[in-house]
Each structure stands twice: as C-alpha cells, then as structure tokens.
Protein backbone atom coordinates (compact mmCIF):
# COMPACT_ATOMS: atom_id res chain seq x y z
CA MET A 1 8.20 7.40 -7.16
CA ARG A 2 6.84 8.10 -10.35
CA ASP A 3 8.71 4.09 -11.94
CA LEU A 4 7.38 2.83 -8.59
CA ILE A 5 4.04 3.30 -9.17
CA ARG A 6 4.31 2.18 -12.20
CA TYR A 7 5.92 -0.86 -11.62
CA SER A 8 3.58 -1.55 -8.58
CA ILE A 9 0.13 -1.14 -10.68
CA ILE A 10 1.96 -3.35 -13.86
CA ARG A 11 2.54 -6.37 -10.56
CA LYS A 12 -1.07 -6.06 -9.44
CA VAL A 13 -2.32 -5.92 -12.61
CA LYS A 14 -0.31 -9.33 -13.12
CA ASN A 15 -1.53 -11.25 -10.28
CA PHE A 16 -4.55 -13.31 -11.43
CA ASN A 17 -5.55 -13.14 -7.41
CA ILE A 18 -5.20 -9.89 -7.25
CA LEU A 19 -7.67 -8.99 -10.26
CA PHE A 20 -10.56 -11.55 -9.90
CA TRP A 21 -11.53 -11.36 -5.87
CA PRO A 22 -11.75 -7.71 -6.03
CA CYS A 23 -12.66 -6.86 -9.11
CA LEU A 24 -14.44 -9.58 -10.97
CA PHE A 25 -15.55 -12.14 -8.48
CA PRO A 26 -18.61 -9.04 -7.28
CA LEU A 27 -19.79 -8.36 -10.58
CA ILE A 28 -19.99 -12.15 -10.97
CA LEU A 29 -22.12 -12.16 -7.82
CA GLY A 30 -23.88 -8.65 -8.89
CA THR A 31 -24.89 -9.81 -12.11
CA LEU A 32 -26.03 -13.33 -10.69
CA PHE A 33 -28.21 -11.27 -7.20
CA TYR A 34 -29.37 -9.66 -10.56
CA PHE A 35 -30.59 -12.26 -12.34
CA ALA A 36 -32.35 -13.90 -9.41
CA PHE A 37 -34.02 -11.35 -8.08
CA GLY A 38 -32.97 -7.71 -9.03
CA ASN A 39 -35.75 -7.39 -11.68
CA MET A 40 -37.91 -7.85 -8.79
CA SER A 41 -39.19 -5.17 -7.31
CA GLU A 42 -41.66 -3.90 -4.41
CA ALA A 43 -43.82 -2.23 -6.58
CA ASP A 44 -44.90 -4.86 -9.04
CA PHE A 45 -46.18 -7.49 -6.61
CA GLU A 46 -49.27 -9.26 -7.54
CA THR A 47 -52.52 -7.44 -7.75
CA ILE A 48 -54.43 -7.24 -4.61
CA GLN A 49 -58.43 -9.96 -5.12
CA ALA A 50 -60.38 -8.46 -2.71
CA ALA A 51 -64.77 -9.25 -2.43
CA TYR A 52 -67.35 -6.95 -1.63
CA VAL A 53 -70.96 -7.92 0.39
CA GLU A 54 -72.77 -4.65 -0.44
CA GLU A 55 -75.24 -4.49 3.37
CA LYS A 56 -77.70 -1.77 3.28
CA GLY A 57 -76.72 0.89 5.22
CA ASP A 58 -73.74 3.02 3.14
CA PRO A 59 -74.20 3.37 -0.58
CA VAL A 60 -71.00 5.94 -1.07
CA PHE A 61 -69.14 2.99 0.62
CA SER A 62 -69.32 0.79 -2.35
CA MET A 63 -68.82 4.54 -4.42
CA PHE A 64 -65.46 4.35 -2.62
CA LEU A 65 -64.82 0.88 -3.80
CA GLU A 66 -65.36 1.61 -7.32
CA GLU A 67 -63.45 4.73 -7.52
CA LEU A 68 -60.42 2.12 -6.18
CA ASN A 69 -61.31 -0.50 -8.29
CA GLN A 70 -59.65 0.71 -11.34
CA ASP A 71 -57.17 -1.02 -14.55
CA GLY A 72 -53.74 -1.22 -12.89
CA SER A 73 -55.49 -0.29 -9.52
CA VAL A 74 -53.41 -2.08 -6.71
CA ILE A 75 -56.52 -4.06 -5.67
CA GLN A 76 -59.41 -5.36 -7.72
CA ILE A 77 -62.08 -5.48 -5.93
CA GLU A 78 -65.45 -8.13 -7.27
CA LYS A 79 -68.71 -8.02 -5.86
CA MET A 80 -69.64 -10.83 -4.10
CA THR A 81 -72.51 -12.60 -1.97
CA LYS A 82 -71.33 -13.48 1.53
CA ALA A 83 -71.34 -16.53 1.26
CA GLU A 84 -69.68 -16.76 -2.17
CA ALA A 85 -67.09 -14.27 -0.22
CA SER A 86 -66.58 -16.59 2.82
CA GLU A 87 -66.10 -19.78 0.21
CA LYS A 88 -63.48 -18.34 -1.87
CA LEU A 89 -61.64 -16.43 1.30
CA THR A 90 -61.50 -19.45 2.61
CA ALA A 91 -59.86 -21.10 -0.11
CA ARG A 92 -57.18 -18.51 -0.59
CA GLU A 93 -58.29 -17.09 -3.22
CA ILE A 94 -58.27 -13.48 -2.68
CA GLN A 95 -57.18 -11.76 0.22
CA GLY A 96 -59.95 -10.39 1.91
CA ILE A 97 -64.12 -8.79 2.17
CA PHE A 98 -65.19 -5.47 2.28
CA VAL A 99 -68.68 -5.01 3.88
CA GLY A 100 -70.39 -2.32 3.09
CA GLY A 101 -73.46 -1.40 5.70
CA LYS A 102 -74.25 1.36 8.12
CA THR A 103 -70.94 0.36 9.70
CA PRO A 104 -68.37 -1.06 7.00
CA TYR A 105 -66.12 -3.29 8.11
CA LEU A 106 -63.38 -5.65 6.12
CA GLN A 107 -63.07 -9.84 6.77
CA VAL A 108 -59.80 -11.59 6.48
CA ALA A 109 -58.20 -14.91 7.07
CA GLY A 110 -54.70 -13.83 7.57
CA SER A 111 -52.70 -11.30 8.20
CA GLY A 112 -49.88 -9.27 5.68
CA MET A 113 -49.43 -6.84 2.97
CA ALA A 114 -52.03 -7.24 1.43
CA GLN A 115 -54.14 -7.46 4.81
CA SER A 116 -52.42 -3.89 5.46
CA ILE A 117 -53.31 -2.24 2.53
CA MET A 118 -57.25 -3.61 3.15
CA GLN A 119 -57.33 -1.92 6.19
CA SER A 120 -55.29 1.15 5.82
CA LEU A 121 -57.95 1.38 3.13
CA LEU A 122 -60.81 0.99 5.01
CA GLU A 123 -59.43 3.45 7.93
CA SER A 124 -58.93 5.70 4.91
CA TYR A 125 -62.48 5.91 4.59
CA LEU A 126 -63.44 5.28 7.92
CA ASN A 127 -61.74 8.67 8.55
CA GLY A 128 -63.17 10.73 5.23
CA LYS A 129 -66.80 9.73 6.75
CA HIS A 130 -66.11 10.79 10.01
CA ILE A 131 -64.40 14.24 9.00
CA MET A 132 -66.86 15.21 6.54
CA GLU A 133 -70.08 14.57 9.04
CA THR A 134 -68.41 16.69 11.62
CA VAL A 135 -67.72 19.52 8.78
CA ALA A 136 -71.77 18.42 8.01
CA GLU A 137 -72.85 19.54 10.91
CA ILE A 138 -70.78 22.14 13.00
CA HIS A 139 -69.79 24.34 9.62
CA PRO A 140 -72.29 22.77 6.84
CA GLU A 141 -70.77 25.99 4.56
CA ASN A 142 -67.22 24.64 4.47
CA LEU A 143 -69.23 21.13 3.26
CA GLN A 144 -68.01 21.73 -0.21
CA GLN A 145 -64.25 22.27 -0.04
CA ALA A 146 -64.08 19.19 2.57
CA ALA A 147 -65.72 17.03 0.01
CA GLU A 148 -63.20 18.44 -2.77
CA ALA A 149 -60.68 17.98 -0.12
CA LEU A 150 -61.10 14.23 0.57
CA SER A 151 -62.37 13.24 -3.48
CA ASP A 152 -58.90 12.90 -4.28
CA TYR A 153 -57.98 9.12 -4.08
CA GLN A 154 -56.72 8.13 -7.16
CA GLU A 155 -52.52 7.67 -5.85
CA LEU A 156 -54.72 6.11 -2.34
CA VAL A 157 -51.85 3.68 -2.61
CA GLN A 158 -48.29 3.87 -4.15
CA ASN A 159 -45.46 2.25 -2.85
CA VAL A 160 -42.37 4.18 -2.01
CA SER A 161 -39.70 4.34 0.60
CA LEU A 162 -39.22 6.22 3.93
CA GLY A 163 -37.83 9.25 1.55
CA GLY A 164 -40.62 9.46 -1.23
CA ARG A 165 -38.62 7.14 -3.72
CA THR A 166 -39.83 4.55 -5.40
CA THR A 167 -36.86 1.06 -4.09
CA ASN A 168 -36.68 -1.31 -5.35
CA GLY A 169 -36.63 -4.47 -2.72
CA ASN A 170 -33.24 -6.57 -3.03
CA ALA A 171 -31.32 -3.67 -3.34
CA GLY A 172 -30.44 -4.09 0.00
CA PHE A 173 -28.65 -7.46 -1.40
CA PHE A 174 -26.22 -4.98 -3.79
CA TYR A 175 -25.80 -2.77 -1.08
CA ALA A 176 -24.02 -4.99 0.60
CA LEU A 177 -23.00 -7.01 -2.39
CA ILE A 178 -20.45 -3.03 -2.12
CA GLY A 179 -19.91 -3.59 1.13
CA MET A 180 -18.60 -6.74 0.47
CA ALA A 181 -16.17 -5.71 -2.42
CA CYS A 182 -14.68 -2.52 -0.29
CA LEU A 183 -13.17 -5.25 2.10
CA TYR A 184 -12.03 -7.53 -1.00
CA GLY A 185 -9.40 -4.45 -1.21
CA CYS A 186 -7.90 -6.31 2.27
CA PHE A 187 -5.83 -9.08 -0.94
CA VAL A 188 -4.69 -5.94 -3.08
CA GLY A 189 -3.97 -4.59 0.65
CA MET A 190 -1.84 -8.18 1.34
CA GLY A 191 0.04 -8.31 -2.26
CA SER A 192 1.18 -4.86 -0.95
CA ALA A 193 2.02 -6.39 2.37
CA CYS A 194 4.41 -9.33 1.02
CA TRP A 195 5.61 -7.52 -1.26
CA LEU A 196 7.15 -5.05 2.05
CA GLN A 197 8.65 -8.03 3.59
CA ALA A 198 11.79 -9.30 2.37
CA ASN A 199 11.36 -12.35 4.47
CA VAL A 200 8.47 -13.85 2.32
CA THR A 201 9.77 -13.28 -1.52
CA SER A 202 13.30 -13.34 -3.67
CA LEU A 203 11.90 -10.25 -5.54
CA ALA A 204 10.56 -8.04 -1.78
CA ALA A 205 14.00 -8.54 -0.78
CA ARG A 206 15.23 -7.21 -4.05
CA GLN A 207 13.33 -4.37 -3.61
CA CYS A 208 14.25 -4.43 0.39
CA ALA A 209 17.69 -4.09 -0.52
CA SER A 210 17.29 -1.36 -2.52
CA PRO A 211 18.29 2.09 -2.15
CA VAL A 212 15.08 3.37 -1.72
CA HIS A 213 13.55 4.65 1.32
CA ARG A 214 10.91 2.43 2.75
CA LEU A 215 8.64 5.71 3.42
CA THR A 216 8.75 5.97 0.01
CA MET A 217 8.20 1.70 -0.80
CA ILE A 218 4.80 1.67 1.34
CA LEU A 219 3.66 4.88 0.24
CA THR A 220 3.95 3.57 -2.77
CA GLU A 221 2.17 0.60 -2.62
CA VAL A 222 -0.62 2.34 -0.45
CA LEU A 223 -1.41 4.55 -3.57
CA THR A 224 -1.47 2.01 -5.29
CA SER A 225 -3.77 -0.60 -3.51
CA PHE A 226 -6.23 1.81 -2.33
CA GLY A 227 -6.80 3.32 -6.39
CA LEU A 228 -6.55 0.40 -8.04
CA HIS A 229 -9.36 -1.06 -5.64
CA PHE A 230 -11.12 1.74 -6.22
CA LEU A 231 -11.30 1.84 -9.89
CA ASN A 232 -12.65 -1.47 -9.35
CA VAL A 233 -15.69 -0.95 -6.90
CA VAL A 234 -16.70 2.28 -9.25
CA ILE A 235 -16.69 -0.37 -12.45
CA LEU A 236 -19.09 -1.91 -9.94
CA ILE A 237 -20.86 0.91 -9.12
CA PHE A 238 -21.41 1.62 -12.70
CA TYR A 239 -21.84 -1.53 -13.56
CA LEU A 240 -25.11 -2.32 -11.57
CA LYS A 241 -26.69 1.42 -12.10
CA TYR A 242 -25.97 1.73 -15.73
CA VAL A 243 -25.76 -1.99 -16.98
CA LEU A 244 -28.08 -3.60 -14.89
CA ARG A 245 -30.56 -0.84 -14.13
CA MET A 246 -30.27 -0.71 -10.36
CA GLU A 247 -32.20 2.06 -8.17
CA PHE A 248 -29.55 4.32 -7.44
CA GLN A 249 -31.60 7.21 -7.37
CA GLY A 250 -28.68 9.06 -4.76
CA SER A 251 -26.38 11.05 -5.69
CA THR A 252 -23.82 9.26 -7.14
CA SER A 253 -20.45 11.40 -6.25
CA GLU A 254 -21.59 10.40 -2.59
CA MET A 255 -22.02 6.81 -3.20
CA LEU A 256 -17.99 7.00 -4.67
CA LEU A 257 -17.12 9.03 -1.14
CA VAL A 258 -18.72 5.83 0.84
CA SER A 259 -16.51 3.55 -1.14
CA MET A 260 -14.05 5.50 -0.94
CA ALA A 261 -13.43 5.56 2.70
CA GLY A 262 -14.53 1.42 2.50
CA CYS A 263 -12.12 0.81 0.16
CA ILE A 264 -9.20 2.23 1.96
CA VAL A 265 -10.10 0.71 4.87
CA GLY A 266 -10.69 -2.91 2.95
CA VAL A 267 -6.83 -2.24 2.39
CA SER A 268 -5.17 -1.17 5.22
CA MET A 269 -6.96 -4.39 6.65
CA GLY A 270 -5.12 -6.31 3.59
CA ILE A 271 -1.89 -4.87 5.19
CA PHE A 272 -2.41 -5.29 8.26
CA VAL A 273 -3.55 -8.76 8.35
CA SER A 274 -0.21 -9.83 6.59
CA SER A 275 2.25 -7.71 8.00
CA ALA A 276 1.06 -7.99 11.60
CA SER A 277 1.60 -12.09 11.18
CA ARG A 278 3.79 -14.57 10.97
CA LEU A 279 1.24 -17.08 9.39
CA SER A 280 0.86 -18.61 5.70
CA GLU A 281 -0.47 -16.64 3.25
CA LYS A 282 -2.99 -19.76 2.93
CA MET A 283 -3.97 -18.77 6.66
CA LYS A 284 -3.63 -14.57 6.35
CA VAL A 285 -6.04 -15.42 2.67
CA GLY A 286 -8.62 -17.98 5.42
CA ILE A 287 -8.69 -15.01 7.99
CA MET A 288 -9.27 -12.46 5.72
CA LEU A 289 -12.00 -14.06 3.88
CA ALA A 290 -13.70 -15.04 6.80
CA ILE A 291 -13.45 -10.94 7.99
CA SER A 292 -14.68 -9.53 5.34
CA MET A 293 -18.06 -12.50 4.31
CA THR A 294 -18.65 -12.38 8.55
CA ALA A 295 -19.01 -8.20 8.13
CA SER A 296 -21.17 -8.97 4.34
CA THR A 297 -23.20 -11.59 5.79
CA LEU A 298 -24.49 -9.78 8.41
CA ALA A 299 -24.75 -6.71 6.38
CA GLY A 300 -27.42 -8.48 4.55
CA LEU A 301 -25.95 -9.44 2.03
CA MET A 302 -26.90 -13.36 2.52
CA ASN A 303 -30.37 -12.94 3.72
CA ALA A 304 -31.79 -8.75 4.34
CA GLU A 305 -32.83 -10.39 7.87
CA ILE A 306 -30.20 -10.99 9.05
CA LYS A 307 -29.14 -7.57 9.46
CA TYR A 308 -32.19 -5.82 10.58
CA VAL A 309 -32.12 -9.33 13.44
CA VAL A 310 -28.86 -7.78 14.39
CA ASP A 311 -29.72 -3.97 14.20
CA GLN A 312 -32.95 -4.90 16.87
CA LYS A 313 -30.43 -7.61 18.99
CA ALA A 314 -27.30 -6.02 19.21
CA PRO A 315 -27.48 -3.41 17.52
CA TRP A 316 -23.52 -2.33 18.17
CA ILE A 317 -22.46 -5.17 15.71
CA ASN A 318 -23.27 -2.96 13.06
CA LYS A 319 -21.97 0.26 13.71
CA LEU A 320 -18.69 -2.04 14.18
CA ASN A 321 -19.13 -3.62 11.28
CA PRO A 322 -17.68 -1.78 8.02
CA ALA A 323 -19.70 -3.35 5.50
CA ALA A 324 -22.72 -2.91 7.21
CA LEU A 325 -22.10 1.32 7.55
CA ILE A 326 -21.16 1.09 3.83
CA SER A 327 -24.37 -0.24 3.37
CA ASP A 328 -26.46 1.33 5.74
CA ALA A 329 -24.89 4.79 3.51
CA PHE A 330 -25.77 3.72 0.53
CA TYR A 331 -29.98 3.32 1.84
CA CYS A 332 -29.48 6.90 3.27
CA ILE A 333 -28.46 8.14 0.07
CA ASN A 334 -30.87 6.22 -2.39
CA VAL A 335 -33.48 5.56 0.36
CA TYR A 336 -34.11 7.04 3.39
CA GLU A 337 -32.57 10.89 1.95
CA ASP A 338 -30.59 11.21 5.85
CA PRO A 339 -27.48 12.57 5.12
CA VAL A 340 -27.60 13.41 8.64
CA ARG A 341 -27.09 9.33 9.46
CA MET A 342 -24.82 9.41 5.82
CA ARG A 343 -21.96 11.63 6.95
CA ASN A 344 -22.15 8.94 10.55
CA ASN A 345 -21.40 6.19 9.02
CA ILE A 346 -18.82 7.99 6.82
CA LEU A 347 -17.27 9.21 9.51
CA THR A 348 -17.32 6.16 10.97
CA LEU A 349 -16.16 4.82 8.25
CA THR A 350 -13.28 7.52 7.96
CA VAL A 351 -12.43 6.92 11.58
CA MET A 352 -11.82 2.65 10.78
CA ALA A 353 -9.24 3.70 7.51
CA ALA A 354 -6.86 6.48 9.44
CA VAL A 355 -6.75 4.02 12.55
CA LEU A 356 -5.62 0.67 9.89
CA THR A 357 -3.93 3.11 7.74
CA ALA A 358 -2.06 4.36 10.85
CA ALA A 359 -0.87 0.38 11.92
CA SER A 360 -0.75 -0.74 8.88
CA PHE A 361 2.58 2.12 8.34
CA PHE A 362 3.84 2.27 11.44
CA VAL A 363 4.07 -2.32 11.38
CA VAL A 364 5.43 -2.36 7.73
CA ARG A 365 8.03 0.36 9.11
CA ARG A 366 9.32 -1.23 11.32
CA GLU A 367 10.49 -4.38 10.42
CA ARG A 368 14.16 -5.25 10.43
CA TYR A 369 16.42 -7.88 9.16
CA ASP A 370 19.35 -8.68 10.41
CA SER A 371 20.53 -10.72 7.08
CA ILE A 372 18.12 -11.33 3.91
C-alpha cells in the first residue's frame, strides 16, 4: 500500500488541474483580494469631522468635547458659529453638530456609522451627567468617587469586534475564500474517482485489472487526495496569516480542524459526483464548479452582504452550506469567540463529510465491469 500511496501522490502532483485549481488558484485569488481591499481595516476609517456650537447653560459639556478632541482621536471637533456649522453640514463637510446649552443635543443631516458614534458620545455624556446629579442629590459624600469613575474618556470610542478583538472588516472575504478552497477538493476527488473507474481511462482499466483489492485502492486514493488537499489549504492559511498578515488572531489548531473537515467534504463530494454519474468529464467539472462557487458566493465570497441576507431570509440554506459553515467557524474562532457555535459548525461539517465519504465508498465499491 505504501507504493500505491507514493505513485498516487506522484500522479496527482503531475496533474495540472489538481495542482492549479485547489492549490494555486486560491493563493492567487487571496493575493488579489489583499491588494484590492485586504489592508483596509474598520479601524482605519476616516476621522469623523464634527462642529460644536456653544450656548450658555452647560460649560461642562464644552470640557467633555475638549477631552474627546485629542490627537489621534476617532473624532475631531471644531468650534464654530451656528451659521458656519449649518453651512458645512449642508455641504457635507462635517457629519454632525453638537449644540451646547442646558440640554445639549446633536444635529445631523444623514445616518451612518459617524452619526451613530456621535449620538453614542452624546448619550454617554447625558447619562454621566444624570448619574452625577443623582449622586449629588442623594449621596453627596460619594460625589468624588462617582466623578473619578466617569472621568476616563480616553478609550470611549474603540473599534472592536463582539468578542473584544479588533478585526479587519474585509476578513469575511478571506474566510469565504478558505471555504471555497476546501470545496475545491472536489477536483482532487474527481481525479481519484477517475483512477477507480476502468471505463474512463486505460490506466484505470489496468489498475482495476490488477490483483490489488478494491478496498485498498479506494483507501489509497481517498487518503492521498485528502492529504494533498489538506496540505493545499494549510499552505493557503499560513500564506494569508504570515505573508499577507491577515488578522487570524484565533487558535491555529482550531482553524486547521475546521479546514480538515471542510477538505473531507470537498474531496468526498468530488469522488461522489464523478463516480455516481455517467456524464462526460466536462459536465462533471461544470457541476462541481457550480456547486462550489454557488456555495462560496452564498458564504460571502463576492459580497459580504449576500451572506447576511441569506442568514436573515433563509437561514437554513447556510446551515447546510459547507462554505458558509467554514466561514462562520472562522468568524467564531477569530472574531466572535463563540466556541459552542464553532463546535456545532464542525459537527455539521463532520456529518456531511461522513455521509459523502460513505456514499462515495459504496458507489465506487459496487462498480463492476463485464469486460475491461
């Protein structure tokens, strides 16, 4: 069996389709993604420009804004007259106007991330002011302690993920890319299936006519296909992490575990599609491309919004979509810090892999030929 594995590896490495699509193409696509938007981070969005119109009634609010208006802050606030501020807001040169007074308020001309941040800042100030007034009225002896608790605004606005990790906003494209790369194992699996079908190539006919047990041949092809393709995905992950410096901050072992399950799904899918049908090789390639690219697109490979729309409108689709499960598991590892959801995704991938592997095994094993 050792010689069979060695010859199988040599044969696959020399096959351009097996080498290019599952290995080189994801690397090329990942590089293009990086140069297109991979170094754009949510933490690097444009500084929010705001105006402050001072009115009598609350001098503390002016001090609050001055504390926020530091070098390197996410928001820059310029003091203006009401006319100047309104003119700049209309021209969209600023995103909002803080108006002082007895009860400060915010004036905006649109909606978006900048406006939401400014509204949060204002609400934070008003809540703090209400707390201080309540403490001064009920427990004036604790006023100093309350002031110290509310005095630190240096990190009031910070771009973090739900799990507390800063993350690249375009990381979802790369997670979906890894999902696509795992499913591209179908091309490796298709090559293995061809070597197990005597009616496809003359070399396969010679192999099937040999005294080697059919189960040994099947295991050899499955193991070498999975091993080579898993190596392809490992190379992709390490390339993205250490060469392109993508923010894969989670456990590498967990990412490899997810990729392992995804690779088995991809390889088994290729063996099953290739061996279960009598279609031509081009038709089989077309079917596998359609399945893998549709799954990758729904996982957010082309547009991240597609995944969110599918999750909202038809969540069951991505719960059965291996590319989406892989992408979501990478989110759980690197962003959400949700081990339960990650384990559920791996479990679903494992079940898919087991079903496809078993189906592929029975389909290939039952093949018989009257004449070779």
